[in-house]
């Protein structure tokens, strides 16, 4: 059983911006009864590990978080959330799992939300990846996203080579973990399954680097969903409408709908700036 404990990491000395405060407020409103724990310089052993020490010195907070979200979950259990996650409903239905994950771009594990029991073997294996690893390598730094790392470790540890996402909305179930489609924890496709949305601030990227915003993730999801055999489970008219529409039109419509719905939600959320 996963404990009702939400972990997040905040390492920057700067004040939390309004968008982050809005997300944190959504946790308090949608997750009554959950303990929310902030991890920072005062309660994390940053200097004890070469990777985190070097990433912290480079002010690459997200990569420090890549390590410590695993460290915190391994030692405590609970649910890790990035600070730019907007919660829409409770995680209670997922606490029965030993570990639950979401996906990103349909073909890799997402790491902005991870829920697990204490001392889970997959989390331990992911944390082991960082053992004796350095963030600074000569004159360069290791900017490999942990989503890629955890996906590779999952594929190896579970000897899995099939698709991560089932586009009928059902999760991918394994003996000691469950992987949910993008529509649960990443984007809102209005299929009734969404619990939270990752707003993709992308603070870990270098200045000017491309940010895969939500519309691009949604485009990837719908493109793969409606160009697969599963499309034949849809009604004839709906199938061909989606197939014949240019992708930019689908994305534009999805973006517009998401903006309207999210603006309505944001108007209901109160927070202190």
C-alpha atoms as a PDB file:
ATOM      1  CA  UNK A   1       0.000   0.000   0.000  1.00  0.00           C
ATOM      2  CA  UNK A   2       1.392   3.376  -1.006  1.00  0.00           C
ATOM      3  CA  UNK A   3       1.277   5.867   1.887  1.00  0.00           C
ATOM      4  CA  UNK A   4      -0.679   9.124   1.582  1.00  0.00           C
ATOM      5  CA  UNK A   5       2.423  11.265   1.399  1.00  0.00           C
ATOM      6  CA  UNK A   6       3.286  13.757  -1.359  1.00  0.00           C
ATOM      7  CA  UNK A   7       6.961  14.639  -1.858  1.00  0.00           C
ATOM      8  CA  UNK A   8       8.309  17.548  -3.858  1.00  0.00           C
ATOM      9  CA  UNK A   9      11.735  19.137  -4.200  1.00  0.00           C
ATOM     10  CA  UNK A  10      12.493  22.875  -4.221  1.00  0.00           C
ATOM     11  CA  UNK A  11      16.170  23.827  -4.328  1.00  0.00           C
ATOM     12  CA  UNK A  12      16.237  27.298  -5.825  1.00  0.00           C
ATOM     13  CA  UNK A  13      16.636  30.199  -3.404  1.00  0.00           C
ATOM     14  CA  UNK A  14      14.150  32.199  -5.456  1.00  0.00           C
ATOM     15  CA  UNK A  15      10.504  32.629  -4.488  1.00  0.00           C
ATOM     16  CA  UNK A  16       8.071  30.150  -5.984  1.00  0.00           C
ATOM     17  CA  UNK A  17       6.341  31.787  -8.990  1.00  0.00           C
ATOM     18  CA  UNK A  18       2.574  32.164  -9.157  1.00  0.00           C
ATOM     19  CA  UNK A  19       2.188  29.173 -11.507  1.00  0.00           C
ATOM     20  CA  UNK A  20       3.968  26.862  -9.054  1.00  0.00           C
ATOM     21  CA  UNK A  21       1.931  28.182  -6.119  1.00  0.00           C
ATOM     22  CA  UNK A  22      -1.234  27.501  -8.096  1.00  0.00           C
ATOM     23  CA  UNK A  23      -0.168  23.896  -8.639  1.00  0.00           C
ATOM     24  CA  UNK A  24       0.747  23.419  -4.968  1.00  0.00           C
ATOM     25  CA  UNK A  25      -2.628  24.832  -3.971  1.00  0.00           C
ATOM     26  CA  UNK A  26      -4.366  22.282  -6.196  1.00  0.00           C
ATOM     27  CA  UNK A  27      -2.640  19.512  -4.227  1.00  0.00           C
ATOM     28  CA  UNK A  28      -4.016  20.835  -0.952  1.00  0.00           C
ATOM     29  CA  UNK A  29      -7.516  21.154  -2.358  1.00  0.00           C
ATOM     30  CA  UNK A  30      -7.701  17.846  -4.233  1.00  0.00           C
ATOM     31  CA  UNK A  31      -5.698  15.682  -1.818  1.00  0.00           C
ATOM     32  CA  UNK A  32      -7.154  16.132   1.686  1.00  0.00           C
ATOM     33  CA  UNK A  33      -5.590  13.759   4.190  1.00  0.00           C
ATOM     34  CA  UNK A  34      -2.267  13.614   2.312  1.00  0.00           C
ATOM     35  CA  UNK A  35       0.908  14.767   4.033  1.00  0.00           C
ATOM     36  CA  UNK A  36       2.851  17.161   1.774  1.00  0.00           C
ATOM     37  CA  UNK A  37       6.618  17.243   2.351  1.00  0.00           C
ATOM     38  CA  UNK A  38       9.042  19.748   0.839  1.00  0.00           C
ATOM     39  CA  UNK A  39      12.616  18.538   0.375  1.00  0.00           C
ATOM     40  CA  UNK A  40      15.355  21.147   0.063  1.00  0.00           C
ATOM     41  CA  UNK A  41      18.943  21.969   1.050  1.00  0.00           C
ATOM     42  CA  UNK A  42      18.082  21.608   4.737  1.00  0.00           C
ATOM     43  CA  UNK A  43      16.938  17.984   4.632  1.00  0.00           C
ATOM     44  CA  UNK A  44      18.735  16.459   1.608  1.00  0.00           C
ATOM     45  CA  UNK A  45      22.332  15.146   1.761  1.00  0.00           C
ATOM     46  CA  UNK A  46      23.309  16.870  -1.477  1.00  0.00           C
ATOM     47  CA  UNK A  47      27.057  16.788  -0.847  1.00  0.00           C
ATOM     48  CA  UNK A  48      27.087  13.042  -0.129  1.00  0.00           C
ATOM     49  CA  UNK A  49      26.789  12.009  -3.775  1.00  0.00           C
ATOM     50  CA  UNK A  50      29.088  13.124  -6.638  1.00  0.00           C
ATOM     51  CA  UNK A  51      26.226  13.501  -9.142  1.00  0.00           C
ATOM     52  CA  UNK A  52      24.037  15.675  -6.922  1.00  0.00           C
ATOM     53  CA  UNK A  53      26.933  17.718  -5.577  1.00  0.00           C
ATOM     54  CA  UNK A  54      28.115  18.626  -9.082  1.00  0.00           C
ATOM     55  CA  UNK A  55      24.587  19.261 -10.425  1.00  0.00           C
ATOM     56  CA  UNK A  56      23.848  21.511  -7.456  1.00  0.00           C
ATOM     57  CA  UNK A  57      27.057  23.469  -7.947  1.00  0.00           C
ATOM     58  CA  UNK A  58      26.050  23.946 -11.613  1.00  0.00           C
ATOM     59  CA  UNK A  59      22.606  25.161 -10.421  1.00  0.00           C
ATOM     60  CA  UNK A  60      20.911  22.446 -12.449  1.00  0.00           C
ATOM     61  CA  UNK A  61      18.219  21.849  -9.846  1.00  0.00           C
ATOM     62  CA  UNK A  62      16.180  19.421 -11.948  1.00  0.00           C
ATOM     63  CA  UNK A  63      19.086  16.978 -12.176  1.00  0.00           C
ATOM     64  CA  UNK A  64      19.595  17.114  -8.423  1.00  0.00           C
ATOM     65  CA  UNK A  65      15.896  16.299  -8.218  1.00  0.00           C
ATOM     66  CA  UNK A  66      16.316  13.412 -10.678  1.00  0.00           C
ATOM     67  CA  UNK A  67      18.410  11.615  -8.080  1.00  0.00           C
ATOM     68  CA  UNK A  68      16.634  12.661  -4.919  1.00  0.00           C
ATOM     69  CA  UNK A  69      13.092  11.894  -6.056  1.00  0.00           C
ATOM     70  CA  UNK A  70      14.281   8.268  -6.230  1.00  0.00           C
ATOM     71  CA  UNK A  71      16.184   8.537  -2.948  1.00  0.00           C
ATOM     72  CA  UNK A  72      13.176  10.012  -1.142  1.00  0.00           C
ATOM     73  CA  UNK A  73      10.764   7.403  -2.499  1.00  0.00           C
ATOM     74  CA  UNK A  74      13.073   4.482  -1.774  1.00  0.00           C
ATOM     75  CA  UNK A  75      13.451   5.545   1.859  1.00  0.00           C
ATOM     76  CA  UNK A  76       9.912   6.744   2.536  1.00  0.00           C
ATOM     77  CA  UNK A  77       7.431   5.578  -0.070  1.00  0.00           C
ATOM     78  CA  UNK A  78       4.614   7.853  -1.200  1.00  0.00           C
ATOM     79  CA  UNK A  79       4.070   9.947  -4.329  1.00  0.00           C
ATOM     80  CA  UNK A  80       6.637  12.271  -5.874  1.00  0.00           C
ATOM     81  CA  UNK A  81       5.316  15.249  -7.860  1.00  0.00           C
ATOM     82  CA  UNK A  82       7.115  17.900  -9.882  1.00  0.00           C
ATOM     83  CA  UNK A  83       6.086  21.364  -8.738  1.00  0.00           C
ATOM     84  CA  UNK A  84       4.499  22.121 -12.131  1.00  0.00           C
ATOM     85  CA  UNK A  85       1.887  19.365 -11.825  1.00  0.00           C
ATOM     86  CA  UNK A  86      -1.729  20.538 -11.609  1.00  0.00           C
ATOM     87  CA  UNK A  87      -3.852  17.985  -9.751  1.00  0.00           C
ATOM     88  CA  UNK A  88      -7.497  17.558 -10.784  1.00  0.00           C
ATOM     89  CA  UNK A  89      -8.599  14.597  -8.634  1.00  0.00           C
ATOM     90  CA  UNK A  90      -7.405  12.234  -5.914  1.00  0.00           C
ATOM     91  CA  UNK A  91      -4.676   9.609  -6.162  1.00  0.00           C
ATOM     92  CA  UNK A  92      -6.597   7.316  -3.799  1.00  0.00           C
ATOM     93  CA  UNK A  93      -7.492   4.726  -6.507  1.00  0.00           C
ATOM     94  CA  UNK A  94      -3.777   4.238  -7.260  1.00  0.00           C
ATOM     95  CA  UNK A  95      -2.563   3.655  -3.689  1.00  0.00           C
ATOM     96  CA  UNK A  96      -3.352  -0.069  -3.996  1.00  0.00           C
ATOM     97  CA  UNK A  97      -0.411  -0.530  -6.367  1.00  0.00           C
ATOM     98  CA  UNK A  98       3.127  -1.305  -5.306  1.00  0.00           C
ATOM     99  CA  UNK A  99       4.313   1.258  -7.847  1.00  0.00           C
ATOM    100  CA  UNK A 100       2.535   3.320 -10.491  1.00  0.00           C
ATOM    101  CA  UNK A 101       3.986   5.422 -13.298  1.00  0.00           C
ATOM    102  CA  UNK A 102       2.763   7.412 -16.267  1.00  0.00           C
ATOM    103  CA  UNK A 103       4.084   7.863 -19.782  1.00  0.00           C
ATOM    104  CA  UNK A 104       5.341  10.791 -21.838  1.00  0.00           C
ATOM    105  CA  UNK A 105       5.100  11.008 -25.623  1.00  0.00           C
ATOM    106  CA  UNK A 106       3.567   7.491 -25.343  1.00  0.00           C
ATOM    107  CA  UNK A 107       6.916   5.732 -25.708  1.00  0.00           C
ATOM    108  CA  UNK A 108       8.817   6.575 -22.545  1.00  0.00           C
ATOM    109  CA  UNK A 109       8.177   6.570 -18.822  1.00  0.00           C
ATOM    110  CA  UNK A 110       7.424   9.954 -17.309  1.00  0.00           C
ATOM    111  CA  UNK A 111       9.018  10.910 -14.018  1.00  0.00           C
ATOM    112  CA  UNK A 112       7.059  14.012 -12.973  1.00  0.00           C
ATOM    113  CA  UNK A 113       4.840  11.680 -10.950  1.00  0.00           C
ATOM    114  CA  UNK A 114       5.967   8.432  -9.341  1.00  0.00           C
ATOM    115  CA  UNK A 115       4.031   6.591  -6.657  1.00  0.00           C
ATOM    116  CA  UNK A 116       5.473   3.603  -4.826  1.00  0.00           C
ATOM    117  CA  UNK A 117       5.834   1.652  -1.626  1.00  0.00           C
ATOM    118  CA  UNK A 118       9.000   2.071   0.412  1.00  0.00           C
ATOM    119  CA  UNK A 119      12.066   0.149  -0.826  1.00  0.00           C
ATOM    120  CA  UNK A 120      10.592  -0.829  -4.202  1.00  0.00           C
ATOM    121  CA  UNK A 121      13.134  -2.851  -6.280  1.00  0.00           C
ATOM    122  CA  UNK A 122      12.594  -0.859  -9.485  1.00  0.00           C
ATOM    123  CA  UNK A 123      13.262   2.430  -7.705  1.00  0.00           C
ATOM    124  CA  UNK A 124      16.333   0.860  -6.138  1.00  0.00           C
ATOM    125  CA  UNK A 125      17.574  -0.227  -9.581  1.00  0.00           C
ATOM    126  CA  UNK A 126      17.065   3.299 -10.965  1.00  0.00           C
ATOM    127  CA  UNK A 127      18.899   4.840  -8.023  1.00  0.00           C
ATOM    128  CA  UNK A 128      21.735   2.359  -8.497  1.00  0.00           C
ATOM    129  CA  UNK A 129      22.303   3.862 -11.961  1.00  0.00           C
ATOM    130  CA  UNK A 130      23.666   7.003 -10.296  1.00  0.00           C
ATOM    131  CA  UNK A 131      26.134   5.158  -8.078  1.00  0.00           C
ATOM    132  CA  UNK A 132      29.608   6.685  -8.590  1.00  0.00           C
ATOM    133  CA  UNK A 133      28.233   8.614 -11.596  1.00  0.00           C
ATOM    134  CA  UNK A 134      29.304  12.222 -12.180  1.00  0.00           C
ATOM    135  CA  UNK A 135      27.212  15.083 -13.529  1.00  0.00           C
ATOM    136  CA  UNK A 136      30.273  16.925 -14.738  1.00  0.00           C
ATOM    137  CA  UNK A 137      32.304  14.986 -17.277  1.00  0.00           C
ATOM    138  CA  UNK A 138      35.409  16.912 -18.277  1.00  0.00           C
ATOM    139  CA  UNK A 139      34.260  20.210 -19.767  1.00  0.00           C
ATOM    140  CA  UNK A 140      30.688  19.016 -20.329  1.00  0.00           C
ATOM    141  CA  UNK A 141      27.763  18.014 -18.152  1.00  0.00           C
ATOM    142  CA  UNK A 142      25.400  15.035 -18.320  1.00  0.00           C
ATOM    143  CA  UNK A 143      22.003  16.393 -19.425  1.00  0.00           C
ATOM    144  CA  UNK A 144      20.363  12.992 -19.951  1.00  0.00           C
ATOM    145  CA  UNK A 145      16.721  13.240 -18.798  1.00  0.00           C
ATOM    146  CA  UNK A 146      15.805  10.703 -16.135  1.00  0.00           C
ATOM    147  CA  UNK A 147      12.747   9.712 -18.183  1.00  0.00           C
ATOM    148  CA  UNK A 148      15.101   8.177 -20.750  1.00  0.00           C
ATOM    149  CA  UNK A 149      17.186   6.539 -18.031  1.00  0.00           C
ATOM    150  CA  UNK A 150      14.207   5.003 -16.240  1.00  0.00           C
ATOM    151  CA  UNK A 151      12.662   3.786 -19.489  1.00  0.00           C
ATOM    152  CA  UNK A 152      15.886   1.985 -20.432  1.00  0.00           C
ATOM    153  CA  UNK A 153      16.190   0.437 -16.964  1.00  0.00           C
ATOM    154  CA  UNK A 154      12.560  -0.699 -17.108  1.00  0.00           C
ATOM    155  CA  UNK A 155      13.022  -2.294 -20.539  1.00  0.00           C
ATOM    156  CA  UNK A 156      16.113  -4.121 -19.298  1.00  0.00           C
ATOM    157  CA  UNK A 157      14.911  -5.173 -15.853  1.00  0.00           C
ATOM    158  CA  UNK A 158      11.519  -6.390 -17.075  1.00  0.00           C
ATOM    159  CA  UNK A 159      12.815  -7.726 -20.398  1.00  0.00           C
ATOM    160  CA  UNK A 160      10.078  -5.741 -22.120  1.00  0.00           C
ATOM    161  CA  UNK A 161      10.117  -4.695 -25.773  1.00  0.00           C
ATOM    162  CA  UNK A 162       6.434  -4.033 -26.470  1.00  0.00           C
ATOM    163  CA  UNK A 163       4.425  -0.788 -26.408  1.00  0.00           C
ATOM    164  CA  UNK A 164       4.143   1.158 -23.153  1.00  0.00           C
ATOM    165  CA  UNK A 165       0.745   2.699 -23.914  1.00  0.00           C
ATOM    166  CA  UNK A 166      -2.534   0.962 -24.592  1.00  0.00           C
ATOM    167  CA  UNK A 167      -4.736   3.432 -26.408  1.00  0.00           C
ATOM    168  CA  UNK A 168      -7.976   1.951 -25.113  1.00  0.00           C
ATOM    169  CA  UNK A 169      -7.230   3.731 -21.840  1.00  0.00           C
ATOM    170  CA  UNK A 170      -6.290   0.633 -19.845  1.00  0.00           C
ATOM    171  CA  UNK A 171      -3.015   0.486 -17.906  1.00  0.00           C
ATOM    172  CA  UNK A 172      -0.093  -1.773 -18.665  1.00  0.00           C
ATOM    173  CA  UNK A 173       0.058  -4.122 -15.654  1.00  0.00           C
ATOM    174  CA  UNK A 174       3.146  -5.960 -14.422  1.00  0.00           C
ATOM    175  CA  UNK A 175       3.755  -8.031 -11.320  1.00  0.00           C
ATOM    176  CA  UNK A 176       4.931  -5.176  -9.097  1.00  0.00           C
ATOM    177  CA  UNK A 177       4.198  -2.001 -11.094  1.00  0.00           C
ATOM    178  CA  UNK A 178       1.556  -0.440 -13.332  1.00  0.00           C
ATOM    179  CA  UNK A 179       2.138   2.004 -16.213  1.00  0.00           C
ATOM    180  CA  UNK A 180      -0.721   4.325 -17.156  1.00  0.00           C
ATOM    181  CA  UNK A 181      -1.263   6.090 -20.527  1.00  0.00           C
ATOM    182  CA  UNK A 182      -0.461   9.776 -21.076  1.00  0.00           C
ATOM    183  CA  UNK A 183      -4.115  10.703 -20.508  1.00  0.00           C
ATOM    184  CA  UNK A 184      -3.958   9.892 -16.768  1.00  0.00           C
ATOM    185  CA  UNK A 185      -1.037  11.980 -15.487  1.00  0.00           C
ATOM    186  CA  UNK A 186       0.425  13.870 -18.450  1.00  0.00           C
ATOM    187  CA  UNK A 187      -2.283  15.445 -20.639  1.00  0.00           C
ATOM    188  CA  UNK A 188      -6.037  15.782 -20.437  1.00  0.00           C
ATOM    189  CA  UNK A 189      -7.698  14.135 -23.435  1.00  0.00           C
ATOM    190  CA  UNK A 190     -11.152  14.493 -21.857  1.00  0.00           C
ATOM    191  CA  UNK A 191     -11.724  10.739 -21.769  1.00  0.00           C
ATOM    192  CA  UNK A 192     -12.644  10.832 -18.077  1.00  0.00           C
ATOM    193  CA  UNK A 193      -9.349   9.327 -16.895  1.00  0.00           C
ATOM    194  CA  UNK A 194      -7.293  12.425 -16.156  1.00  0.00           C
ATOM    195  CA  UNK A 195      -5.976  12.913 -12.609  1.00  0.00           C
ATOM    196  CA  UNK A 196      -3.314  15.547 -13.184  1.00  0.00           C
ATOM    197  CA  UNK A 197      -1.546  17.507 -15.921  1.00  0.00           C
ATOM    198  CA  UNK A 198       2.152  18.186 -16.233  1.00  0.00           C
ATOM    199  CA  UNK A 199       2.441  21.819 -17.263  1.00  0.00           C
ATOM    200  CA  UNK A 200       5.970  21.247 -18.600  1.00  0.00           C
ATOM    201  CA  UNK A 201       7.876  24.275 -17.325  1.00  0.00           C
ATOM    202  CA  UNK A 202      11.069  22.553 -18.459  1.00  0.00           C
ATOM    203  CA  UNK A 203      13.346  24.408 -16.047  1.00  0.00           C
ATOM    204  CA  UNK A 204      16.133  21.889 -16.602  1.00  0.00           C
ATOM    205  CA  UNK A 205      16.759  22.962 -20.205  1.00  0.00           C
ATOM    206  CA  UNK A 206      19.383  25.459 -21.256  1.00  0.00           C
ATOM    207  CA  UNK A 207      18.193  28.947 -22.188  1.00  0.00           C
ATOM    208  CA  UNK A 208      16.674  28.947 -25.672  1.00  0.00           C
ATOM    209  CA  UNK A 209      16.310  25.167 -25.804  1.00  0.00           C
ATOM    210  CA  UNK A 210      13.078  23.784 -27.231  1.00  0.00           C
ATOM    211  CA  UNK A 211      10.392  22.928 -24.699  1.00  0.00           C
ATOM    212  CA  UNK A 212       8.069  20.028 -25.619  1.00  0.00           C
ATOM    213  CA  UNK A 213       4.924  21.825 -24.479  1.00  0.00           C
ATOM    214  CA  UNK A 214       1.654  20.079 -23.792  1.00  0.00           C
ATOM    215  CA  UNK A 215       0.317  20.589 -27.312  1.00  0.00           C
ATOM    216  CA  UNK A 216       3.250  18.604 -28.742  1.00  0.00           C
ATOM    217  CA  UNK A 217       2.659  15.771 -26.289  1.00  0.00           C
ATOM    218  CA  UNK A 218      -1.035  15.803 -27.171  1.00  0.00           C
ATOM    219  CA  UNK A 219      -0.189  15.785 -30.879  1.00  0.00           C
ATOM    220  CA  UNK A 220       2.041  12.758 -30.382  1.00  0.00           C
ATOM    221  CA  UNK A 221      -0.638  10.970 -28.385  1.00  0.00           C
ATOM    222  CA  UNK A 222      -3.456  11.525 -30.886  1.00  0.00           C
ATOM    223  CA  UNK A 223      -1.274  10.827 -33.908  1.00  0.00           C
ATOM    224  CA  UNK A 224      -0.205   7.441 -32.534  1.00  0.00           C
ATOM    225  CA  UNK A 225      -3.655   6.654 -31.183  1.00  0.00           C
ATOM    226  CA  UNK A 226      -5.581   7.256 -34.386  1.00  0.00           C
ATOM    227  CA  UNK A 227      -3.024   5.770 -36.767  1.00  0.00           C
ATOM    228  CA  UNK A 228      -3.090   2.371 -35.063  1.00  0.00           C
ATOM    229  CA  UNK A 229      -5.268  -0.710 -35.432  1.00  0.00           C
ATOM    230  CA  UNK A 230      -7.206   0.404 -32.362  1.00  0.00           C
ATOM    231  CA  UNK A 231      -8.834   3.039 -34.557  1.00  0.00           C
ATOM    232  CA  UNK A 232     -11.184   0.347 -35.827  1.00  0.00           C
ATOM    233  CA  UNK A 233     -12.805   0.239 -32.403  1.00  0.00           C
ATOM    234  CA  UNK A 234     -14.185   3.744 -33.068  1.00  0.00           C
ATOM    235  CA  UNK A 235     -17.292   4.634 -35.034  1.00  0.00           C
ATOM    236  CA  UNK A 236     -16.889   4.939 -38.788  1.00  0.00           C
ATOM    237  CA  UNK A 237     -17.596   8.689 -38.978  1.00  0.00           C
ATOM    238  CA  UNK A 238     -15.445   9.609 -35.974  1.00  0.00           C
ATOM    239  CA  UNK A 239     -12.560   7.538 -37.318  1.00  0.00           C
ATOM    240  CA  UNK A 240     -12.451   9.289 -40.677  1.00  0.00           C
ATOM    241  CA  UNK A 241     -12.971  12.760 -39.242  1.00  0.00           C
ATOM    242  CA  UNK A 242      -9.839  12.339 -37.140  1.00  0.00           C
ATOM    243  CA  UNK A 243      -7.875  10.756 -39.971  1.00  0.00           C
ATOM    244  CA  UNK A 244      -8.784  13.360 -42.591  1.00  0.00           C
ATOM    245  CA  UNK A 245      -8.285  16.419 -40.442  1.00  0.00           C
ATOM    246  CA  UNK A 246      -4.776  17.876 -40.724  1.00  0.00           C
ATOM    247  CA  UNK A 247      -2.840  17.392 -37.510  1.00  0.00           C
ATOM    248  CA  UNK A 248      -2.497  21.136 -36.940  1.00  0.00           C
ATOM    249  CA  UNK A 249      -6.298  21.388 -36.797  1.00  0.00           C
ATOM    250  CA  UNK A 250      -6.556  18.609 -34.211  1.00  0.00           C
ATOM    251  CA  UNK A 251      -3.842  20.235 -32.116  1.00  0.00           C
ATOM    252  CA  UNK A 252      -5.396  23.693 -32.444  1.00  0.00           C
ATOM    253  CA  UNK A 253      -8.784  22.384 -31.335  1.00  0.00           C
ATOM    254  CA  UNK A 254      -7.257  20.457 -28.430  1.00  0.00           C
ATOM    255  CA  UNK A 255      -5.238  23.486 -27.356  1.00  0.00           C
ATOM    256  CA  UNK A 256      -8.289  25.756 -27.477  1.00  0.00           C
ATOM    257  CA  UNK A 257     -10.438  23.306 -25.518  1.00  0.00           C
ATOM    258  CA  UNK A 258      -7.713  22.762 -22.932  1.00  0.00           C
ATOM    259  CA  UNK A 259      -7.249  26.513 -22.494  1.00  0.00           C
ATOM    260  CA  UNK A 260     -10.954  27.065 -21.840  1.00  0.00           C
ATOM    261  CA  UNK A 261     -11.226  24.197 -19.356  1.00  0.00           C
ATOM    262  CA  UNK A 262      -7.979  25.008 -17.553  1.00  0.00           C
ATOM    263  CA  UNK A 263      -8.893  28.701 -17.297  1.00  0.00           C
ATOM    264  CA  UNK A 264     -12.149  27.720 -15.622  1.00  0.00           C
ATOM    265  CA  UNK A 265     -10.262  25.495 -13.200  1.00  0.00           C
ATOM    266  CA  UNK A 266      -7.655  28.166 -12.476  1.00  0.00           C
ATOM    267  CA  UNK A 267     -10.387  30.698 -11.700  1.00  0.00           C
ATOM    268  CA  UNK A 268     -11.668  28.406  -8.949  1.00  0.00           C
ATOM    269  CA  UNK A 269      -8.246  27.983  -7.351  1.00  0.00           C
ATOM    270  CA  UNK A 270      -7.239  30.504  -4.705  1.00  0.00           C
ATOM    271  CA  UNK A 271      -3.678  30.990  -3.616  1.00  0.00           C
ATOM    272  CA  UNK A 272      -1.555  33.578  -1.882  1.00  0.00           C
ATOM    273  CA  UNK A 273       1.070  35.334  -3.956  1.00  0.00           C
END
